[in-house]
Amino acid sequence: MVHYDYDYHHLPHVKVQSKSKKTLWITLLLTLFFTLIEIIGGFISNSLALLSDSAHMASDVLALSLSMIALYLAARPPNQKFTFGYLRFEIISSFLNGLSLAVIAIGIFIEGIRRFIHPENIDFQLMIIIASIGLVVNLVLTIVLSRSTKEEENLNVKSALWHFIGDLLSSIGVIISAVIIYFTDFYFFDPLISMVIGGIIFTGGAKIIRESYLILMDSVPEKFNLDEIRAAINKVEGVEDVHDMHLWAISSDHYSLTAHVFINENIQPLCIILAINEMLEKKYDIKHATIQIEHASLHNHGEYGKQFLRYKSKTYEGEAIKTRNKATVNSN
């Protein structure tokens, strides 16, 4: 028997995304540069809106770094220890990114409440200059990431996009806050706008946390209906029952399915497996399926197996009676 030490799968558990890599490198470098500018400007101007945006930008640097690591790991092939490769790190990274968004939003709320109670003076001119530069930078990066998510499905890039949508809104909020403060001297608009931005950031973070959490919990992806797929497998010739079925996502677009099926003994098992796999790939784009062929009288399924055998016995008896009745009518 020929043994290949380097190959454990007939399907590669890798995800090579050159477009996403290029996009993330560009956004990471631009974000790092502008974060430094915004942190300095935020401290000098004493603007909470600007500081909250700079904190968000700092989290973007971390988020993009994690996303870059995830993309490079996802391209590594499976091995004896990580049989699904490193695809799941994409989801772990997304979860951490979403969590950082939520934590930042809570921090903005806390600081906003403090500044409502104890208002502080702000250098609005510096505030509006840096915010205007940030608006341009964030607009460009949001467009770049948005195009990337349309070309390649990646929860990591999607989580990074939410970071920059938050940044874009932050920049707009800072500009609006600066203009209002200039004309009205109502300094409370600075923490007010910040808290609105915080709410939007928290919403985006919660969405990413939920998506990544569901994948980490091996839940059935929302795009699939498990009952519908089970019914479709049941319709395959030779399949008499489908049970112990699982469907989950390894990463945002890499799905796996396992199922046990009772079959008709008169049909070649390999033909049934082939038919199921072809149906799953053509109809649902599920390319990695493991189907276990079983027989209720040989494999112990407890009460479930006994009920199936009783149902099958009654079905065969009914068909036999129909056949005899038909033969009697024909002979007469």
Protein backbone atom coordinates (compact mmCIF):
# COMPACT_ATOMS: atom_id res chain seq x y z
CA MET A 1 0.00 0.00 0.00
CA VAL A 2 1.31 3.43 -0.94
CA HIS A 3 1.39 5.90 1.96
CA TYR A 4 1.74 9.67 1.53
CA ASP A 5 3.02 11.35 4.68
CA TYR A 6 2.16 14.80 3.40
CA ASP A 7 -1.43 14.19 2.34
CA TYR A 8 -4.31 13.55 4.75
CA HIS A 9 -7.28 14.68 2.68
CA HIS A 10 -8.77 14.42 -0.77
CA LEU A 11 -10.03 18.00 -0.31
CA PRO A 12 -7.57 20.74 0.75
CA HIS A 13 -8.45 22.43 4.04
CA VAL A 14 -6.70 25.63 3.03
CA LYS A 15 -7.85 29.11 2.07
CA VAL A 16 -5.57 31.16 -0.16
CA GLN A 17 -6.86 34.73 -0.56
CA SER A 18 -4.32 36.93 -2.33
CA LYS A 19 -6.77 39.83 -2.78
CA SER A 20 -7.57 39.92 0.95
CA LYS A 21 -3.84 39.83 1.85
CA LYS A 22 -3.02 42.78 -0.38
CA THR A 23 -6.02 44.73 0.92
CA LEU A 24 -5.17 44.10 4.57
CA TRP A 25 -1.50 45.08 4.13
CA ILE A 26 -2.52 48.42 2.59
CA THR A 27 -5.10 49.14 5.28
CA LEU A 28 -2.75 48.08 8.10
CA LEU A 29 0.03 50.46 7.06
CA LEU A 30 -2.31 53.42 6.48
CA THR A 31 -4.14 52.76 9.75
CA LEU A 32 -0.93 52.54 11.77
CA PHE A 33 0.28 55.86 10.33
CA PHE A 34 -2.96 57.73 10.98
CA THR A 35 -3.45 56.22 14.45
CA LEU A 36 -0.24 57.86 15.63
CA ILE A 37 -1.38 61.23 14.24
CA GLU A 38 -4.82 60.94 15.82
CA ILE A 39 -3.54 59.91 19.27
CA ILE A 40 -1.20 62.91 19.39
CA GLY A 41 -3.92 65.25 18.09
CA GLY A 42 -6.47 63.87 20.54
CA PHE A 43 -4.28 64.57 23.57
CA ILE A 44 -3.30 68.04 22.36
CA SER A 45 -6.88 69.10 21.50
CA ASN A 46 -8.36 67.32 24.57
CA SER A 47 -11.28 66.07 22.45
CA LEU A 48 -12.99 62.91 23.70
CA ALA A 49 -14.53 62.37 20.26
CA LEU A 50 -11.06 62.45 18.72
CA LEU A 51 -9.54 60.30 21.48
CA SER A 52 -12.35 57.74 21.16
CA ASP A 53 -11.70 57.60 17.43
CA SER A 54 -7.95 57.18 18.00
CA ALA A 55 -8.64 54.34 20.47
CA HIS A 56 -10.81 52.71 17.85
CA MET A 57 -8.06 53.17 15.26
CA ALA A 58 -5.55 51.58 17.66
CA SER A 59 -7.86 48.59 17.96
CA ASP A 60 -7.96 48.48 14.16
CA VAL A 61 -4.20 47.98 14.09
CA LEU A 62 -4.58 45.01 16.44
CA ALA A 63 -7.58 43.69 14.50
CA LEU A 64 -5.80 43.95 11.15
CA SER A 65 -2.69 42.27 12.58
CA LEU A 66 -4.80 39.34 13.79
CA SER A 67 -6.53 39.20 10.42
CA MET A 68 -3.18 39.08 8.63
CA ILE A 69 -2.00 36.21 10.85
CA ALA A 70 -5.28 34.39 10.18
CA LEU A 71 -4.90 34.75 6.40
CA TYR A 72 -1.38 33.36 6.41
CA LEU A 73 -2.30 30.50 8.75
CA ALA A 74 -5.34 29.64 6.61
CA ALA A 75 -3.01 29.00 3.66
CA ARG A 76 -1.06 26.34 5.61
CA PRO A 77 -2.02 22.73 4.81
CA PRO A 78 -3.48 20.28 7.37
CA ASN A 79 -1.16 18.02 9.36
CA GLN A 80 -1.38 15.16 11.87
CA LYS A 81 -2.26 17.55 14.72
CA PHE A 82 -4.47 20.07 12.90
CA THR A 83 -6.44 17.86 10.53
CA PHE A 84 -8.68 20.75 9.43
CA GLY A 85 -5.68 22.98 8.88
CA TYR A 86 -5.68 26.44 10.43
CA LEU A 87 -8.92 27.73 8.95
CA ARG A 88 -10.61 28.12 12.34
CA PHE A 89 -8.10 30.81 13.40
CA GLU A 90 -9.95 33.14 11.03
CA ILE A 91 -13.01 32.78 13.26
CA ILE A 92 -11.04 33.12 16.50
CA SER A 93 -9.51 36.33 15.15
CA SER A 94 -12.95 37.63 14.14
CA PHE A 95 -14.31 36.88 17.62
CA LEU A 96 -11.45 38.81 19.25
CA ASN A 97 -11.98 41.70 16.82
CA GLY A 98 -15.68 41.85 17.65
CA LEU A 99 -14.88 41.69 21.35
CA SER A 100 -12.42 44.58 21.05
CA LEU A 101 -15.12 46.66 19.31
CA ALA A 102 -17.54 46.01 22.16
CA VAL A 103 -14.95 46.82 24.86
CA ILE A 104 -13.98 50.08 23.11
CA ALA A 105 -17.64 51.08 22.83
CA ILE A 106 -18.18 50.50 26.56
CA GLY A 107 -15.06 52.56 27.35
CA ILE A 108 -16.40 55.42 25.21
CA PHE A 109 -19.73 55.31 27.09
CA ILE A 110 -18.00 55.45 30.47
CA GLU A 111 -15.75 58.38 29.48
CA GLY A 112 -18.71 60.14 27.82
CA ILE A 113 -20.73 60.00 31.05
CA ARG A 114 -17.75 61.34 32.99
CA ARG A 115 -17.40 64.31 30.63
CA PHE A 116 -21.11 65.04 30.84
CA ILE A 117 -20.63 65.46 34.60
CA HIS A 118 -17.28 67.29 34.29
CA PRO A 119 -17.10 69.16 30.92
CA GLU A 120 -13.62 69.98 29.55
CA ASN A 121 -12.35 72.63 27.13
CA ILE A 122 -11.49 71.54 23.57
CA ASP A 123 -9.21 72.88 20.83
CA PHE A 124 -11.85 72.57 18.11
CA GLN A 125 -9.59 73.80 15.25
CA LEU A 126 -7.05 71.01 15.69
CA MET A 127 -9.93 68.63 16.32
CA ILE A 128 -11.62 69.41 12.99
CA ILE A 129 -8.36 69.34 10.98
CA ILE A 130 -7.38 65.86 12.18
CA ALA A 131 -10.97 64.61 11.89
CA SER A 132 -11.11 65.82 8.26
CA ILE A 133 -7.93 63.95 7.40
CA GLY A 134 -9.33 60.91 9.19
CA LEU A 135 -12.56 61.16 7.19
CA VAL A 136 -10.65 60.90 3.91
CA VAL A 137 -8.41 58.05 5.11
CA ASN A 138 -11.31 56.05 6.58
CA LEU A 139 -13.49 56.59 3.50
CA VAL A 140 -10.76 55.21 1.24
CA LEU A 141 -10.09 52.21 3.50
CA THR A 142 -13.80 51.43 3.90
CA ILE A 143 -14.25 51.39 0.10
CA VAL A 144 -11.16 49.18 -0.37
CA LEU A 145 -12.30 46.66 2.27
CA SER A 146 -15.89 46.70 1.01
CA ARG A 147 -14.74 45.73 -2.49
CA SER A 148 -12.54 42.99 -1.04
CA THR A 149 -15.45 41.37 0.86
CA LYS A 150 -17.45 41.23 -2.38
CA GLU A 151 -14.63 39.43 -4.21
CA GLU A 152 -13.61 36.99 -1.46
CA GLU A 153 -15.79 35.69 1.42
CA ASN A 154 -13.91 36.22 4.69
CA LEU A 155 -15.37 36.94 8.14
CA ASN A 156 -12.02 38.39 9.15
CA VAL A 157 -12.09 41.06 6.46
CA LYS A 158 -15.75 41.66 7.26
CA SER A 159 -14.88 42.31 10.91
CA ALA A 160 -12.10 44.69 9.81
CA LEU A 161 -14.63 46.45 7.56
CA TRP A 162 -16.90 47.01 10.58
CA HIS A 163 -13.95 48.59 12.38
CA PHE A 164 -13.51 51.07 9.54
CA ILE A 165 -17.22 51.78 9.19
CA GLY A 166 -17.05 52.72 12.86
CA ASP A 167 -13.98 54.88 12.16
CA LEU A 168 -15.71 56.58 9.24
CA LEU A 169 -18.72 57.40 11.40
CA SER A 170 -16.37 58.56 14.17
CA SER A 171 -14.66 61.01 11.82
CA ILE A 172 -18.02 62.37 10.65
CA GLY A 173 -19.17 62.62 14.27
CA VAL A 174 -16.02 64.48 15.33
CA ILE A 175 -16.45 67.01 12.50
CA ILE A 176 -20.13 67.57 13.36
CA SER A 177 -19.21 67.93 17.03
CA ALA A 178 -16.48 70.48 16.26
CA VAL A 179 -18.78 72.58 14.05
CA ILE A 180 -21.56 72.62 16.69
CA ILE A 181 -19.11 73.54 19.46
CA TYR A 182 -17.68 76.37 17.31
CA PHE A 183 -21.08 77.99 16.70
CA THR A 184 -22.79 77.26 20.02
CA ASP A 185 -20.09 76.64 22.67
CA PHE A 186 -22.12 73.59 23.71
CA TYR A 187 -19.20 71.38 24.75
CA PHE A 188 -21.49 68.55 25.81
CA PHE A 189 -21.89 67.69 22.12
CA ASP A 190 -18.38 66.19 22.19
CA PRO A 191 -19.26 63.34 24.64
CA LEU A 192 -22.77 63.09 23.16
CA ILE A 193 -21.47 62.44 19.64
CA SER A 194 -18.90 60.04 21.09
CA MET A 195 -21.61 57.99 22.79
CA VAL A 196 -23.63 57.81 19.56
CA ILE A 197 -20.50 56.58 17.79
CA GLY A 198 -19.95 54.11 20.64
CA GLY A 199 -23.45 52.70 20.11
CA ILE A 200 -22.78 52.13 16.41
CA ILE A 201 -19.41 50.53 17.14
CA PHE A 202 -20.99 48.24 19.76
CA THR A 203 -23.66 47.15 17.26
CA GLY A 204 -21.02 46.18 14.69
CA GLY A 205 -18.96 44.36 17.32
CA ALA A 206 -21.99 42.43 18.60
CA LYS A 207 -22.81 41.31 15.05
CA ILE A 208 -19.27 39.99 14.48
CA ILE A 209 -19.22 38.31 17.92
CA ARG A 210 -22.50 36.54 17.16
CA GLU A 211 -21.38 35.29 13.73
CA SER A 212 -18.03 34.01 14.99
CA TYR A 213 -19.58 32.54 18.17
CA LEU A 214 -22.05 30.48 16.13
CA ILE A 215 -19.21 29.07 14.00
CA LEU A 216 -17.05 28.33 17.06
CA MET A 217 -20.02 26.47 18.59
CA ASP A 218 -20.29 24.34 15.41
CA SER A 219 -23.88 25.49 14.85
CA VAL A 220 -25.64 24.85 11.54
CA PRO A 221 -24.80 27.80 9.23
CA GLU A 222 -27.79 30.10 8.74
CA LYS A 223 -27.74 29.64 4.97
CA PHE A 224 -28.69 25.95 5.40
CA ASN A 225 -31.90 24.23 6.52
CA LEU A 226 -30.93 20.94 8.16
CA ASP A 227 -34.41 19.40 7.81
CA GLU A 228 -34.45 20.25 4.11
CA ILE A 229 -31.03 18.66 3.53
CA ARG A 230 -32.04 15.56 5.51
CA ALA A 231 -35.17 15.23 3.37
CA ALA A 232 -33.06 15.58 0.22
CA ILE A 233 -30.73 12.76 1.36
CA ASN A 234 -33.78 10.61 2.17
CA LYS A 235 -34.93 10.99 -1.44
CA VAL A 236 -31.72 9.42 -2.79
CA GLU A 237 -32.44 5.93 -4.12
CA GLY A 238 -31.48 3.26 -1.61
CA VAL A 239 -31.64 5.53 1.46
CA GLU A 240 -34.24 4.42 3.99
CA ASP A 241 -33.39 6.65 6.95
CA VAL A 242 -31.02 9.51 7.88
CA HIS A 243 -29.93 10.14 11.47
CA ASP A 244 -27.05 11.44 13.63
CA MET A 245 -26.59 14.27 11.12
CA HIS A 246 -24.28 17.23 11.71
CA LEU A 247 -23.50 20.27 9.58
CA TRP A 248 -21.06 23.00 10.58
CA ALA A 249 -18.65 25.60 9.23
CA ILE A 250 -14.90 25.34 9.71
CA SER A 251 -14.51 28.91 8.46
CA SER A 252 -16.83 31.44 6.84
CA ASP A 253 -17.17 29.48 3.56
CA HIS A 254 -15.85 25.98 4.33
CA TYR A 255 -18.58 23.53 5.33
CA SER A 256 -18.56 19.93 6.56
CA LEU A 257 -21.39 17.43 6.92
CA THR A 258 -21.61 14.00 8.54
CA ALA A 259 -24.60 11.65 8.55
CA HIS A 260 -25.50 8.02 9.27
CA VAL A 261 -27.92 6.35 6.86
CA PHE A 262 -29.84 3.06 6.85
CA ILE A 263 -29.88 1.66 3.31
CA ASN A 264 -31.62 -0.90 1.17
CA GLU A 265 -29.43 -4.03 1.17
CA ASN A 266 -30.24 -4.65 -2.51
CA ILE A 267 -28.41 -1.53 -3.68
CA GLN A 268 -24.63 -1.19 -3.81
CA PRO A 269 -23.57 1.01 -0.81
CA LEU A 270 -20.84 2.80 -2.76
CA CYS A 271 -23.40 3.92 -5.34
CA ILE A 272 -25.57 5.38 -2.58
CA ILE A 273 -22.64 7.28 -1.06
CA LEU A 274 -21.67 8.61 -4.50
CA ALA A 275 -25.24 9.74 -5.20
CA ILE A 276 -25.49 11.53 -1.82
CA ASN A 277 -22.16 13.31 -2.26
CA GLU A 278 -23.04 14.45 -5.78
CA MET A 279 -26.43 15.76 -4.63
CA LEU A 280 -24.91 17.68 -1.68
CA GLU A 281 -22.27 19.32 -3.87
CA LYS A 282 -24.59 20.26 -6.75
CA LYS A 283 -27.57 21.39 -4.68
CA TYR A 284 -25.93 22.86 -1.56
CA ASP A 285 -22.25 23.35 -2.51
CA ILE A 286 -21.22 21.07 0.37
CA LYS A 287 -18.01 19.42 -0.86
CA HIS A 288 -16.84 17.78 2.34
CA ALA A 289 -19.35 15.14 3.45
CA THR A 290 -18.80 11.94 5.42
CA ILE A 291 -21.61 9.41 5.04
CA GLN A 292 -21.68 6.30 7.23
CA ILE A 293 -23.68 3.38 5.83
CA GLU A 294 -25.49 1.31 8.47
CA HIS A 295 -28.09 -1.42 8.94
CA ALA A 296 -30.47 -1.27 11.89
CA SER A 297 -30.26 -5.03 12.55
CA LEU A 298 -26.42 -4.97 12.65
CA HIS A 299 -25.69 -1.64 14.34
CA ASN A 300 -27.05 -0.93 17.80
CA HIS A 301 -29.31 2.15 17.72
CA GLY A 302 -31.35 1.36 20.78
CA GLU A 303 -35.06 2.18 20.65
CA TYR A 304 -34.60 4.27 17.51
CA GLY A 305 -33.30 1.26 15.58
CA LYS A 306 -36.06 -1.00 16.95
CA GLN A 307 -38.75 1.45 15.85
CA PHE A 308 -37.21 1.67 12.39
CA LEU A 309 -37.12 -2.14 12.04
CA ARG A 310 -40.78 -2.41 13.17
CA TYR A 311 -41.80 0.29 10.69
CA LYS A 312 -39.79 -1.40 7.93
CA SER A 313 -41.31 -4.82 8.74
CA LYS A 314 -44.86 -3.42 8.56
CA THR A 315 -44.05 -1.68 5.28
CA TYR A 316 -42.74 -4.90 3.74
CA GLU A 317 -45.80 -6.82 5.02
CA GLY A 318 -48.09 -4.22 3.46
CA GLU A 319 -46.26 -4.40 0.14
CA ALA A 320 -46.37 -8.21 0.22
CA ILE A 321 -50.16 -8.19 0.81
CA LYS A 322 -50.64 -5.73 -2.06
CA THR A 323 -48.54 -7.92 -4.34
CA ARG A 324 -50.53 -11.09 -3.44
CA ASN A 325 -53.85 -9.31 -3.91
CA LYS A 326 -52.75 -8.01 -7.27
CA ALA A 327 -51.60 -11.48 -8.34
CA THR A 328 -54.96 -12.97 -7.23
CA VAL A 329 -56.91 -10.40 -9.22
CA ASN A 330 -54.77 -11.00 -12.31
CA SER A 331 -55.21 -14.82 -12.06
CA ASN A 332 -58.98 -14.46 -11.83
